[in-house]
Every structure is written in C-alpha cells, then in structure tokens.
C-alpha cells in the first residue's frame, strides 16, 4: 500500500474517532498553465466531478499594483470576461448538485412514449 493511501486512511480514522462525519468527497483534476511572458500569472482549469469545469486566473506579485488589470487582460484574451464568479467552495457546489439531482427524481417519459433502449 502506498504511503499516501495509508496516510489518508489514518486521517479518515482519526476524524471518525473524534466524531466527525464525511459530508462529501470532492474529486478534482486541476491543470495549471503559465505563459513565459507573464511571470507570476497562472490560469488553472479545474474539472470537478458533479459540479462542472472552472477557470481560475491568479497573479502573484509583491504588491497589488497592476494585478487586477493583468487578471482582466488574461481573462479578456481567454474570452471569459463577464462570466459569473463562483464564490462557493467546491464542497458546497458538489453537495448542492447532488441535492438537486435527488430532488429532481427519476426522469419521466411522456405518456405513450416508448421506453428508452437499455
């Protein structure tokens, strides 16, 4: 068994032992991109199972001067200016999406429609 798997199992046991209960598992694949002409700037694409795909633009500088403008410039070049900003953590997005699916119930077919092929 790999060390990381053992460590995760031990952490889960510890949390259960102190009375914590698991709320949700968030499965995320993050791809990080950098441009050689834009030091300190990264764009990450997060694929979050059950919640969707998200883009995060980050600029790290010693001062805030020009950071917001650089983020806007990068996002404009990507064509994502004006898209809504998500302020909820992935945990909440995944939990909300799962709850929405449960509330929607099973898909219904119109009266007289043939059953879906298996």
Protein backbone atom coordinates (compact mmCIF):
# COMPACT_ATOMS: atom_id res chain seq x y z
CA UNK A 1 0.00 0.00 0.00
CA UNK A 2 1.39 3.43 -0.92
CA UNK A 3 2.25 5.86 1.86
CA UNK A 4 -0.31 8.42 0.67
CA UNK A 5 -3.09 5.81 0.77
CA UNK A 6 -2.07 4.76 4.30
CA UNK A 7 -1.88 8.37 5.43
CA UNK A 8 -5.33 9.13 4.02
CA UNK A 9 -6.82 6.06 5.69
CA UNK A 10 -5.24 7.06 9.02
CA UNK A 11 -6.59 10.59 8.68
CA UNK A 12 -10.12 9.28 7.96
CA UNK A 13 -9.93 7.00 11.03
CA UNK A 14 -8.75 9.88 13.19
CA UNK A 15 -11.63 12.09 12.05
CA UNK A 16 -14.20 9.32 12.65
CA UNK A 17 -12.68 8.69 16.10
CA UNK A 18 -13.26 12.30 17.14
CA UNK A 19 -16.87 12.23 15.92
CA UNK A 20 -16.54 13.86 12.51
CA UNK A 21 -18.71 12.56 9.69
CA UNK A 22 -17.99 12.70 6.00
CA UNK A 23 -20.12 15.22 4.12
CA UNK A 24 -18.90 14.79 0.58
CA UNK A 25 -15.95 13.65 -1.50
CA UNK A 26 -14.74 16.26 -3.97
CA UNK A 27 -12.92 14.82 -6.96
CA UNK A 28 -10.96 17.46 -8.82
CA UNK A 29 -8.48 17.40 -11.67
CA UNK A 30 -6.53 20.65 -11.93
CA UNK A 31 -4.46 21.62 -14.94
CA UNK A 32 -2.20 24.64 -14.46
CA UNK A 33 -0.98 26.83 -17.32
CA UNK A 34 1.72 29.50 -17.34
CA UNK A 35 2.93 31.85 -20.05
CA UNK A 36 6.67 32.63 -20.24
CA UNK A 37 5.97 36.34 -20.91
CA UNK A 38 3.65 36.74 -17.89
CA UNK A 39 5.69 35.94 -14.76
CA UNK A 40 3.59 35.29 -11.69
CA UNK A 41 0.43 34.64 -13.70
CA UNK A 42 -1.26 31.25 -13.81
CA UNK A 43 -4.52 30.00 -15.23
CA UNK A 44 -5.91 26.80 -13.74
CA UNK A 45 -8.67 24.67 -15.16
CA UNK A 46 -10.48 22.62 -12.54
CA UNK A 47 -12.67 19.71 -13.60
CA UNK A 48 -14.83 18.96 -10.57
CA UNK A 49 -16.86 15.77 -10.76
CA UNK A 50 -20.51 16.56 -10.18
CA UNK A 51 -20.07 20.34 -10.31
CA UNK A 52 -18.51 21.30 -13.65
CA UNK A 53 -15.44 22.98 -15.09
CA UNK A 54 -13.99 26.15 -13.58
CA UNK A 55 -11.25 28.57 -14.59
CA UNK A 56 -9.11 30.34 -12.00
CA UNK A 57 -6.85 33.21 -13.00
CA UNK A 58 -4.19 34.16 -10.47
CA UNK A 59 -1.50 36.82 -10.47
CA UNK A 60 1.14 36.77 -7.73
CA UNK A 61 3.16 39.93 -7.23
CA UNK A 62 4.97 41.57 -4.32
CA UNK A 63 2.38 44.38 -4.42
CA UNK A 64 -1.17 44.55 -5.73
CA UNK A 65 -0.23 47.19 -8.30
CA UNK A 66 -1.44 46.10 -11.72
CA UNK A 67 -2.59 42.63 -10.60
CA UNK A 68 -6.30 43.21 -11.20
CA UNK A 69 -5.56 44.72 -14.61
CA UNK A 70 -3.41 41.72 -15.56
CA UNK A 71 -6.14 39.27 -14.47
CA UNK A 72 -8.67 41.19 -16.58
CA UNK A 73 -6.29 41.24 -19.57
CA UNK A 74 -5.72 37.47 -19.34
CA UNK A 75 -9.43 36.75 -18.95
CA UNK A 76 -10.27 39.05 -21.86
CA UNK A 77 -7.78 37.17 -24.08
CA UNK A 78 -9.44 33.90 -22.99
CA UNK A 79 -12.91 35.26 -23.75
CA UNK A 80 -14.19 34.71 -20.21
CA UNK A 81 -14.73 38.31 -19.08
CA UNK A 82 -18.28 38.71 -17.82
CA UNK A 83 -18.76 35.09 -16.82
CA UNK A 84 -20.09 34.76 -13.28
CA UNK A 85 -17.63 34.49 -10.44
CA UNK A 86 -18.23 31.47 -8.22
CA UNK A 87 -17.71 32.21 -4.55
CA UNK A 88 -18.83 28.88 -3.08
CA UNK A 89 -16.23 26.22 -2.28
CA UNK A 90 -16.24 23.08 -4.43
CA UNK A 91 -17.57 21.16 -1.39
CA UNK A 92 -20.79 23.19 -1.46
CA UNK A 93 -21.10 23.07 -5.27
CA UNK A 94 -20.84 19.27 -5.28
CA UNK A 95 -23.27 18.91 -2.37
CA UNK A 96 -25.78 21.30 -4.00
CA UNK A 97 -25.56 19.49 -7.35
CA UNK A 98 -26.12 16.10 -5.68
CA UNK A 99 -29.09 17.51 -3.76
CA UNK A 100 -30.55 18.99 -6.97
CA UNK A 101 -30.28 15.59 -8.69
CA UNK A 102 -32.02 13.86 -5.75
CA UNK A 103 -34.83 16.45 -5.75
CA UNK A 104 -35.36 16.12 -9.50
CA UNK A 105 -36.24 12.44 -9.09
CA UNK A 106 -36.22 9.89 -11.87
CA UNK A 107 -36.65 11.06 -15.43
CA UNK A 108 -40.23 10.73 -16.63
CA UNK A 109 -41.24 9.92 -20.15
CA UNK A 110 -44.32 11.41 -21.79
CA UNK A 111 -47.47 9.29 -21.84
CA UNK A 112 -47.45 6.96 -24.82
CA UNK A 113 -43.70 7.30 -25.41
CA UNK A 114 -41.78 4.03 -25.82
CA UNK A 115 -39.35 3.07 -23.04
CA UNK A 116 -35.74 4.08 -23.51
CA UNK A 117 -33.42 1.47 -25.01
CA UNK A 118 -31.16 -0.21 -22.48
